[in-house]
Each structure stands twice: as C-alpha cells, then as structure tokens.
C-alpha atoms as a PDB file:
ATOM      1  CA  UNK A   1      21.042  -1.718   9.605  1.00  0.00           C
ATOM      2  CA  UNK A   2      19.550  -5.142   9.074  1.00  0.00           C
ATOM      3  CA  UNK A   3      18.072  -5.464   5.580  1.00  0.00           C
ATOM      4  CA  UNK A   4      16.085  -8.502   6.745  1.00  0.00           C
ATOM      5  CA  UNK A   5      14.251  -6.371   9.301  1.00  0.00           C
ATOM      6  CA  UNK A   6      13.722  -3.584   6.764  1.00  0.00           C
ATOM      7  CA  UNK A   7      12.213  -5.890   4.136  1.00  0.00           C
ATOM      8  CA  UNK A   8       9.967  -7.511   6.764  1.00  0.00           C
ATOM      9  CA  UNK A   9       8.806  -4.057   7.872  1.00  0.00           C
ATOM     10  CA  UNK A  10       8.194  -2.985   4.276  1.00  0.00           C
ATOM     11  CA  UNK A  11       6.112  -6.069   3.558  1.00  0.00           C
ATOM     12  CA  UNK A  12       4.035  -5.433   6.664  1.00  0.00           C
ATOM     13  CA  UNK A  13       3.573  -1.788   5.684  1.00  0.00           C
ATOM     14  CA  UNK A  14       2.420  -2.731   2.182  1.00  0.00           C
ATOM     15  CA  UNK A  15      -0.195  -5.077   3.642  1.00  0.00           C
ATOM     16  CA  UNK A  16      -1.399  -2.460   6.137  1.00  0.00           C
ATOM     17  CA  UNK A  17      -1.479   0.200   3.416  1.00  0.00           C
ATOM     18  CA  UNK A  18      -3.630  -1.979   1.163  1.00  0.00           C
ATOM     19  CA  UNK A  19      -5.969  -2.715   4.073  1.00  0.00           C
ATOM     20  CA  UNK A  20      -6.285   0.985   4.921  1.00  0.00           C
ATOM     21  CA  UNK A  21      -7.106   1.946   1.357  1.00  0.00           C
ATOM     22  CA  UNK A  22      -9.661  -0.865   1.097  1.00  0.00           C
ATOM     23  CA  UNK A  23     -11.231   0.208   4.386  1.00  0.00           C
ATOM     24  CA  UNK A  24     -11.393   3.808   3.173  1.00  0.00           C
ATOM     25  CA  UNK A  25     -13.127   2.756  -0.015  1.00  0.00           C
ATOM     26  CA  UNK A  26     -15.645   0.706   1.953  1.00  0.00           C
ATOM     27  CA  UNK A  27     -16.148   3.283   4.731  1.00  0.00           C
ATOM     28  CA  UNK A  28     -19.714   4.374   5.260  1.00  0.00           C
ATOM     29  CA  UNK A  29     -18.905   8.013   5.837  1.00  0.00           C
ATOM     30  CA  UNK A  30     -16.525  10.681   4.674  1.00  0.00           C
ATOM     31  CA  UNK A  31     -15.098  11.020   8.192  1.00  0.00           C
ATOM     32  CA  UNK A  32     -14.287   7.304   8.461  1.00  0.00           C
ATOM     33  CA  UNK A  33     -12.822   7.282   4.964  1.00  0.00           C
ATOM     34  CA  UNK A  34     -10.666  10.293   5.846  1.00  0.00           C
ATOM     35  CA  UNK A  35      -9.260   8.489   8.908  1.00  0.00           C
ATOM     36  CA  UNK A  36      -8.338   5.466   6.790  1.00  0.00           C
ATOM     37  CA  UNK A  37      -6.734   7.653   4.135  1.00  0.00           C
ATOM     38  CA  UNK A  38      -4.763   9.512   6.815  1.00  0.00           C
ATOM     39  CA  UNK A  39      -3.456   6.173   8.106  1.00  0.00           C
ATOM     40  CA  UNK A  40      -2.653   5.128   4.547  1.00  0.00           C
ATOM     41  CA  UNK A  41      -0.685   8.342   4.030  1.00  0.00           C
ATOM     42  CA  UNK A  42       1.287   7.743   7.230  1.00  0.00           C
ATOM     43  CA  UNK A  43       2.049   4.191   6.107  1.00  0.00           C
ATOM     44  CA  UNK A  44       3.051   5.415   2.647  1.00  0.00           C
ATOM     45  CA  UNK A  45       5.521   7.877   4.131  1.00  0.00           C
ATOM     46  CA  UNK A  46       6.989   5.196   6.410  1.00  0.00           C
ATOM     47  CA  UNK A  47       7.286   2.799   3.471  1.00  0.00           C
ATOM     48  CA  UNK A  48       9.161   5.409   1.440  1.00  0.00           C
ATOM     49  CA  UNK A  49      11.546   5.961   4.376  1.00  0.00           C
ATOM     50  CA  UNK A  50      12.220   2.221   4.623  1.00  0.00           C
ATOM     51  CA  UNK A  51      12.766   2.014   0.861  1.00  0.00           C
ATOM     52  CA  UNK A  52      15.306   4.840   0.984  1.00  0.00           C
ATOM     53  CA  UNK A  53      17.103   3.153   3.880  1.00  0.00           C
ATOM     54  CA  UNK A  54      17.301  -0.165   2.011  1.00  0.00           C
ATOM     55  CA  UNK A  55      18.321   1.528  -1.242  1.00  0.00           C
ATOM     56  CA  UNK A  56      21.160   3.395   0.486  1.00  0.00           C
ATOM     57  CA  UNK A  57      22.265   0.163   2.180  1.00  0.00           C
ATOM     58  CA  UNK A  58      22.383  -1.756  -1.101  1.00  0.00           C
ATOM     59  CA  UNK A  59      23.920   1.132  -3.064  1.00  0.00           C
ATOM     60  CA  UNK A  60      26.751   1.301  -0.550  1.00  0.00           C
ATOM     61  CA  UNK A  61      27.575  -2.405  -0.852  1.00  0.00           C
ATOM     62  CA  UNK A  62      25.349  -3.883   1.821  1.00  0.00           C
ATOM     63  CA  UNK A  63      24.181  -7.465   1.557  1.00  0.00           C
ATOM     64  CA  UNK A  64      20.766  -8.439   0.198  1.00  0.00           C
ATOM     65  CA  UNK A  65      17.947  -9.475   2.505  1.00  0.00           C
ATOM     66  CA  UNK A  66      17.892 -13.248   2.988  1.00  0.00           C
ATOM     67  CA  UNK A  67      14.437 -13.440   1.367  1.00  0.00           C
ATOM     68  CA  UNK A  68      16.000 -12.147  -1.842  1.00  0.00           C
ATOM     69  CA  UNK A  69      18.853 -14.644  -1.856  1.00  0.00           C
ATOM     70  CA  UNK A  70      17.087 -17.939  -1.030  1.00  0.00           C
ATOM     71  CA  UNK A  71      17.983 -20.554  -3.585  1.00  0.00           C
ATOM     72  CA  UNK A  72      21.053 -18.689  -4.824  1.00  0.00           C
ATOM     73  CA  UNK A  73      24.514 -20.243  -4.534  1.00  0.00           C
END
C-alpha cells in the first residue's frame, strides 16, 4: 500500500464528488440530476474505502503520505 497514491486518489475523488454534486444541483431535469447523484454516491463509497485503507495503514504503523510530512524534520 502506498499512502501517497491513496491520498492522491482521495483528493481526486473529493474534487470529482464536488463536481458531481454541483452538476446535479444545476441539472435541468430530474433524470440528469439523478445520474449526477448516482455518480456522486459511487465516488462517496470509493472515498470511504480509500479512507479506511489509509486509516488501517496509519493505525498499524505505516508512514504518513509525503504531502502530510513536507516541512517536517
């Protein structure tokens, strides 16, 4: 498991999730909104899975993602 890949994936998923929810809100029809919300739900589930993976990694003594350690000695 590479926590750097996981955090990069999570950040991408958060961006895509926000875009899907925004698109659903702005959709011109219920059907289009439903498609965006379905995508958002899929992204939410994937994000939760990535979070659990990273949490288990860190809980079991794994190293932090590099993005979280920049500037630390």
